[in-house]
Amino acid sequence: MKQNGKAYWRESLECFLFITLFMALFLTVFVISGRLNGMDWLNYFDHFKWTFNTEFFKDLMQSWK
């Protein structure tokens, strides 16, 4: 397939920038619409925590031995 004269890295950069701008616009609209409806989505990230059960994986590794 013939390219349109642009370098591959330049096309990749343009694609990355387009996707980044699209996702930023999408998330901005999502947050603003939540605020207008009385739902503050950004406050949920203050209390967000990852919990990881390491005991499960330790037991799994023991059972493979």
PDB file of N, CA and C in Angstrom:
ATOM      1  N   MET A   1       0.848  -1.166   0.000  1.00  0.00           N
ATOM      2  CA  MET A   1       0.000   0.000   0.000  1.00  0.00           C
ATOM      3  C   MET A   1       0.899   1.236   0.000  1.00  0.00           C
ATOM      4  N   LYS A   2       0.618   2.153  -0.894  1.00  0.00           N
ATOM      5  CA  LYS A   2       1.432   3.350  -1.027  1.00  0.00           C
ATOM      6  C   LYS A   2       0.961   4.424  -0.055  1.00  0.00           C
ATOM      7  N   GLN A   3       1.915   5.054   0.600  1.00  0.00           N
ATOM      8  CA  GLN A   3       1.574   6.146   1.511  1.00  0.00           C
ATOM      9  C   GLN A   3       1.356   7.416   0.718  1.00  0.00           C
ATOM     10  N   ASN A   4       0.793   8.408   1.371  1.00  0.00           N
ATOM     11  CA  ASN A   4       0.452   9.647   0.686  1.00  0.00           C
ATOM     12  C   ASN A   4       1.573  10.683   0.735  1.00  0.00           C
ATOM     13  N   GLY A   5       2.818  10.265   0.839  1.00  0.00           N
ATOM     14  CA  GLY A   5       3.942  11.184   0.824  1.00  0.00           C
ATOM     15  C   GLY A   5       4.430  11.596   2.201  1.00  0.00           C
ATOM     16  N   LYS A   6       3.693  11.308   3.253  1.00  0.00           N
ATOM     17  CA  LYS A   6       4.117  11.663   4.609  1.00  0.00           C
ATOM     18  C   LYS A   6       4.963  10.538   5.188  1.00  0.00           C
ATOM     19  N   ALA A   7       5.833  10.920   6.077  1.00  0.00           N
ATOM     20  CA  ALA A   7       6.638   9.920   6.766  1.00  0.00           C
ATOM     21  C   ALA A   7       5.746   9.140   7.734  1.00  0.00           C
ATOM     22  N   TYR A   8       6.135   7.899   7.992  1.00  0.00           N
ATOM     23  CA  TYR A   8       5.339   7.036   8.856  1.00  0.00           C
ATOM     24  C   TYR A   8       5.235   7.608  10.266  1.00  0.00           C
ATOM     25  N   TRP A   9       6.351   8.140  10.783  1.00  0.00           N
ATOM     26  CA  TRP A   9       6.331   8.692  12.145  1.00  0.00           C
ATOM     27  C   TRP A   9       5.411   9.900  12.226  1.00  0.00           C
ATOM     28  N   ARG A  10       5.316  10.674  11.137  1.00  0.00           N
ATOM     29  CA  ARG A  10       4.453  11.849  11.148  1.00  0.00           C
ATOM     30  C   ARG A  10       2.976  11.437  11.152  1.00  0.00           C
ATOM     31  N   GLU A  11       2.639  10.427  10.353  1.00  0.00           N
ATOM     32  CA  GLU A  11       1.261   9.923  10.363  1.00  0.00           C
ATOM     33  C   GLU A  11       0.896   9.339  11.712  1.00  0.00           C
ATOM     34  N   SER A  12       1.838   8.631  12.331  1.00  0.00           N
ATOM     35  CA  SER A  12       1.592   8.055  13.651  1.00  0.00           C
ATOM     36  C   SER A  12       1.380   9.152  14.688  1.00  0.00           C
ATOM     37  N   LEU A  13       2.182  10.198  14.617  1.00  0.00           N
ATOM     38  CA  LEU A  13       2.043  11.314  15.549  1.00  0.00           C
ATOM     39  C   LEU A  13       0.700  12.018  15.366  1.00  0.00           C
ATOM     40  N   GLU A  14       0.291  12.237  14.126  1.00  0.00           N
ATOM     41  CA  GLU A  14      -1.008  12.862  13.868  1.00  0.00           C
ATOM     42  C   GLU A  14      -2.152  12.006  14.398  1.00  0.00           C
ATOM     43  N   CYS A  15      -2.056  10.706  14.216  1.00  0.00           N
ATOM     44  CA  CYS A  15      -3.085   9.795  14.722  1.00  0.00           C
ATOM     45  C   CYS A  15      -3.139   9.844  16.245  1.00  0.00           C
ATOM     46  N   PHE A  16      -1.979   9.798  16.883  1.00  0.00           N
ATOM     47  CA  PHE A  16      -1.920   9.861  18.337  1.00  0.00           C
ATOM     48  C   PHE A  16      -2.518  11.163  18.854  1.00  0.00           C
ATOM     49  N   LEU A  17      -2.182  12.283  18.224  1.00  0.00           N
ATOM     50  CA  LEU A  17      -2.713  13.577  18.653  1.00  0.00           C
ATOM     51  C   LEU A  17      -4.217  13.658  18.456  1.00  0.00           C
ATOM     52  N   PHE A  18      -4.721  13.127  17.346  1.00  0.00           N
ATOM     53  CA  PHE A  18      -6.159  13.127  17.101  1.00  0.00           C
ATOM     54  C   PHE A  18      -6.896  12.300  18.160  1.00  0.00           C
ATOM     55  N   ILE A  19      -6.381  11.126  18.454  1.00  0.00           N
ATOM     56  CA  ILE A  19      -7.016  10.263  19.459  1.00  0.00           C
ATOM     57  C   ILE A  19      -6.964  10.925  20.830  1.00  0.00           C
ATOM     58  N   THR A  20      -5.846  11.557  21.175  1.00  0.00           N
ATOM     59  CA  THR A  20      -5.716  12.245  22.461  1.00  0.00           C
ATOM     60  C   THR A  20      -6.708  13.392  22.574  1.00  0.00           C
ATOM     61  N   LEU A  21      -6.833  14.194  21.524  1.00  0.00           N
ATOM     62  CA  LEU A  21      -7.784  15.303  21.545  1.00  0.00           C
ATOM     63  C   LEU A  21      -9.223  14.803  21.617  1.00  0.00           C
ATOM     64  N   PHE A  22      -9.527  13.748  20.885  1.00  0.00           N
ATOM     65  CA  PHE A  22     -10.868  13.185  20.908  1.00  0.00           C
ATOM     66  C   PHE A  22     -11.225  12.661  22.299  1.00  0.00           C
ATOM     67  N   MET A  23     -10.301  11.946  22.946  1.00  0.00           N
ATOM     68  CA  MET A  23     -10.563  11.415  24.277  1.00  0.00           C
ATOM     69  C   MET A  23     -10.676  12.535  25.310  1.00  0.00           C
ATOM     70  N   ALA A  24      -9.849  13.573  25.185  1.00  0.00           N
ATOM     71  CA  ALA A  24      -9.940  14.710  26.104  1.00  0.00           C
ATOM     72  C   ALA A  24     -11.287  15.404  25.951  1.00  0.00           C
ATOM     73  N   LEU A  25     -11.745  15.585  24.720  1.00  0.00           N
ATOM     74  CA  LEU A  25     -13.049  16.197  24.477  1.00  0.00           C
ATOM     75  C   LEU A  25     -14.166  15.326  25.047  1.00  0.00           C
ATOM     76  N   PHE A  26     -14.075  14.022  24.827  1.00  0.00           N
ATOM     77  CA  PHE A  26     -15.087  13.104  25.336  1.00  0.00           C
ATOM     78  C   PHE A  26     -15.164  13.156  26.860  1.00  0.00           C
ATOM     79  N   LEU A  27     -14.016  13.091  27.533  1.00  0.00           N
ATOM     80  CA  LEU A  27     -14.013  13.110  28.996  1.00  0.00           C
ATOM     81  C   LEU A  27     -14.460  14.462  29.541  1.00  0.00           C
ATOM     82  N   THR A  28     -14.119  15.542  28.850  1.00  0.00           N
ATOM     83  CA  THR A  28     -14.568  16.866  29.273  1.00  0.00           C
ATOM     84  C   THR A  28     -16.075  16.985  29.197  1.00  0.00           C
ATOM     85  N   VAL A  29     -16.655  16.519  28.110  1.00  0.00           N
ATOM     86  CA  VAL A  29     -18.116  16.557  27.967  1.00  0.00           C
ATOM     87  C   VAL A  29     -18.762  15.674  29.031  1.00  0.00           C
ATOM     88  N   PHE A  30     -18.168  14.539  29.327  1.00  0.00           N
ATOM     89  CA  PHE A  30     -18.686  13.629  30.335  1.00  0.00           C
ATOM     90  C   PHE A  30     -18.702  14.285  31.710  1.00  0.00           C
ATOM     91  N   VAL A  31     -17.611  14.961  32.071  1.00  0.00           N
ATOM     92  CA  VAL A  31     -17.514  15.615  33.382  1.00  0.00           C
ATOM     93  C   VAL A  31     -18.465  16.806  33.461  1.00  0.00           C
ATOM     94  N   ILE A  32     -18.520  17.611  32.404  1.00  0.00           N
ATOM     95  CA  ILE A  32     -19.400  18.782  32.416  1.00  0.00           C
ATOM     96  C   ILE A  32     -20.858  18.366  32.478  1.00  0.00           C
ATOM     97  N   SER A  33     -21.252  17.358  31.733  1.00  0.00           N
ATOM     98  CA  SER A  33     -22.647  16.907  31.779  1.00  0.00           C
ATOM     99  C   SER A  33     -22.994  16.347  33.153  1.00  0.00           C
ATOM    100  N   GLY A  34     -22.031  15.712  33.810  1.00  0.00           N
ATOM    101  CA  GLY A  34     -22.260  15.238  35.167  1.00  0.00           C
ATOM    102  C   GLY A  34     -22.474  16.382  36.135  1.00  0.00           C
ATOM    103  N   ARG A  35     -21.660  17.430  35.992  1.00  0.00           N
ATOM    104  CA  ARG A  35     -21.818  18.605  36.860  1.00  0.00           C
ATOM    105  C   ARG A  35     -23.181  19.256  36.658  1.00  0.00           C
ATOM    106  N   LEU A  36     -23.620  19.366  35.396  1.00  0.00           N
ATOM    107  CA  LEU A  36     -24.907  19.993  35.115  1.00  0.00           C
ATOM    108  C   LEU A  36     -26.076  19.180  35.671  1.00  0.00           C
ATOM    109  N   ASN A  37     -25.893  17.880  35.797  1.00  0.00           N
ATOM    110  CA  ASN A  37     -26.942  17.019  36.334  1.00  0.00           C
ATOM    111  C   ASN A  37     -26.807  16.772  37.831  1.00  0.00           C
ATOM    112  N   GLY A  38     -25.854  17.414  38.473  1.00  0.00           N
ATOM    113  CA  GLY A  38     -25.700  17.281  39.912  1.00  0.00           C
ATOM    114  C   GLY A  38     -24.816  16.129  40.346  1.00  0.00           C
ATOM    115  N   MET A  39     -24.101  15.523  39.420  1.00  0.00           N
ATOM    116  CA  MET A  39     -23.226  14.403  39.736  1.00  0.00           C
ATOM    117  C   MET A  39     -21.790  14.846  39.536  1.00  0.00           C
ATOM    118  N   ASP A  40     -21.011  14.887  40.599  1.00  0.00           N
ATOM    119  CA  ASP A  40     -19.633  15.332  40.496  1.00  0.00           C
ATOM    120  C   ASP A  40     -18.726  14.111  40.391  1.00  0.00           C
ATOM    121  N   TRP A  41     -18.355  13.757  39.164  1.00  0.00           N
ATOM    122  CA  TRP A  41     -17.565  12.556  38.920  1.00  0.00           C
ATOM    123  C   TRP A  41     -16.142  12.682  39.451  1.00  0.00           C
ATOM    124  N   LEU A  42     -15.620  13.894  39.504  1.00  0.00           N
ATOM    125  CA  LEU A  42     -14.233  14.056  39.918  1.00  0.00           C
ATOM    126  C   LEU A  42     -14.024  13.742  41.400  1.00  0.00           C
ATOM    127  N   ASN A  43     -15.063  13.873  42.218  1.00  0.00           N
ATOM    128  CA  ASN A  43     -14.927  13.539  43.637  1.00  0.00           C
ATOM    129  C   ASN A  43     -14.766  12.041  43.870  1.00  0.00           C
ATOM    130  N   TYR A  44     -15.208  11.216  42.925  1.00  0.00           N
ATOM    131  CA  TYR A  44     -15.043   9.779  43.086  1.00  0.00           C
ATOM    132  C   TYR A  44     -13.587   9.366  43.020  1.00  0.00           C
ATOM    133  N   PHE A  45     -12.755  10.115  42.313  1.00  0.00           N
ATOM    134  CA  PHE A  45     -11.346   9.759  42.201  1.00  0.00           C
ATOM    135  C   PHE A  45     -10.577  10.059  43.478  1.00  0.00           C
ATOM    136  N   ASP A  46     -11.103  10.919  44.341  1.00  0.00           N
ATOM    137  CA  ASP A  46     -10.438  11.186  45.610  1.00  0.00           C
ATOM    138  C   ASP A  46     -10.457   9.961  46.515  1.00  0.00           C
ATOM    139  N   HIS A  47     -11.503   9.170  46.426  1.00  0.00           N
ATOM    140  CA  HIS A  47     -11.663   7.999  47.293  1.00  0.00           C
ATOM    141  C   HIS A  47     -11.339   6.697  46.582  1.00  0.00           C
ATOM    142  N   PHE A  48     -10.867   6.787  45.357  1.00  0.00           N
ATOM    143  CA  PHE A  48     -10.559   5.587  44.581  1.00  0.00           C
ATOM    144  C   PHE A  48      -9.246   4.988  45.045  1.00  0.00           C
ATOM    145  N   LYS A  49      -9.252   3.707  45.359  1.00  0.00           N
ATOM    146  CA  LYS A  49      -8.046   3.020  45.794  1.00  0.00           C
ATOM    147  C   LYS A  49      -7.993   1.649  45.134  1.00  0.00           C
ATOM    148  N   TRP A  50      -6.803   1.265  44.762  1.00  0.00           N
ATOM    149  CA  TRP A  50      -6.597  -0.075  44.232  1.00  0.00           C
ATOM    150  C   TRP A  50      -6.261  -1.002  45.397  1.00  0.00           C
ATOM    151  N   THR A  51      -6.963  -2.080  45.479  1.00  0.00           N
ATOM    152  CA  THR A  51      -6.600  -3.106  46.456  1.00  0.00           C
ATOM    153  C   THR A  51      -6.233  -4.352  45.675  1.00  0.00           C
ATOM    154  N   PHE A  52      -5.167  -4.951  46.053  1.00  0.00           N
ATOM    155  CA  PHE A  52      -4.647  -6.087  45.308  1.00  0.00           C
ATOM    156  C   PHE A  52      -4.429  -7.240  46.275  1.00  0.00           C
ATOM    157  N   ASN A  53      -5.066  -8.339  46.008  1.00  0.00           N
ATOM    158  CA  ASN A  53      -4.978  -9.501  46.872  1.00  0.00           C
ATOM    159  C   ASN A  53      -3.734 -10.304  46.499  1.00  0.00           C
ATOM    160  N   THR A  54      -2.648 -10.059  47.198  1.00  0.00           N
ATOM    161  CA  THR A  54      -1.409 -10.762  46.879  1.00  0.00           C
ATOM    162  C   THR A  54      -1.416 -12.192  47.410  1.00  0.00           C
ATOM    163  N   GLU A  55      -2.206 -12.449  48.428  1.00  0.00           N
ATOM    164  CA  GLU A  55      -2.257 -13.808  48.983  1.00  0.00           C
ATOM    165  C   GLU A  55      -2.776 -14.804  47.951  1.00  0.00           C
ATOM    166  N   PHE A  56      -3.723 -14.390  47.143  1.00  0.00           N
ATOM    167  CA  PHE A  56      -4.258 -15.265  46.108  1.00  0.00           C
ATOM    168  C   PHE A  56      -3.160 -15.719  45.159  1.00  0.00           C
ATOM    169  N   PHE A  57      -2.309 -14.774  44.725  1.00  0.00           N
ATOM    170  CA  PHE A  57      -1.252 -15.114  43.786  1.00  0.00           C
ATOM    171  C   PHE A  57      -0.140 -15.922  44.439  1.00  0.00           C
ATOM    172  N   LYS A  58       0.114 -15.675  45.716  1.00  0.00           N
ATOM    173  CA  LYS A  58       1.100 -16.483  46.431  1.00  0.00           C
ATOM    174  C   LYS A  58       0.616 -17.932  46.526  1.00  0.00           C
ATOM    175  N   ASP A  59      -0.664 -18.116  46.851  1.00  0.00           N
ATOM    176  CA  ASP A  59      -1.222 -19.466  46.919  1.00  0.00           C
ATOM    177  C   ASP A  59      -1.222 -20.136  45.552  1.00  0.00           C
ATOM    178  N   LEU A  60      -1.474 -19.365  44.520  1.00  0.00           N
ATOM    179  CA  LEU A  60      -1.484 -19.903  43.166  1.00  0.00           C
ATOM    180  C   LEU A  60      -0.103 -20.377  42.772  1.00  0.00           C
ATOM    181  N   MET A  61       0.917 -19.607  43.121  1.00  0.00           N
ATOM    182  CA  MET A  61       2.295 -20.003  42.789  1.00  0.00           C
ATOM    183  C   MET A  61       2.707 -21.232  43.584  1.00  0.00           C
ATOM    184  N   GLN A  62       2.256 -21.336  44.821  1.00  0.00           N
ATOM    185  CA  GLN A  62       2.565 -22.506  45.645  1.00  0.00           C
ATOM    186  C   GLN A  62       1.932 -23.767  45.058  1.00  0.00           C
ATOM    187  N   SER A  63       0.741 -23.624  44.498  1.00  0.00           N
ATOM    188  CA  SER A  63       0.052 -24.796  43.949  1.00  0.00           C
ATOM    189  C   SER A  63       0.693 -25.264  42.655  1.00  0.00           C
ATOM    190  N   TRP A  64       1.445 -24.415  41.958  1.00  0.00           N
ATOM    191  CA  TRP A  64       2.090 -24.808  40.727  1.00  0.00           C
ATOM    192  C   TRP A  64       3.381 -25.573  40.991  1.00  0.00           C
ATOM    193  N   LYS A  65       3.948 -25.437  42.178  1.00  0.00           N
ATOM    194  CA  LYS A  65       5.215 -26.111  42.486  1.00  0.00           C
ATOM    195  C   LYS A  65       5.032 -27.560  42.785  1.00  0.00           C
TER     196      LYS A  65
END
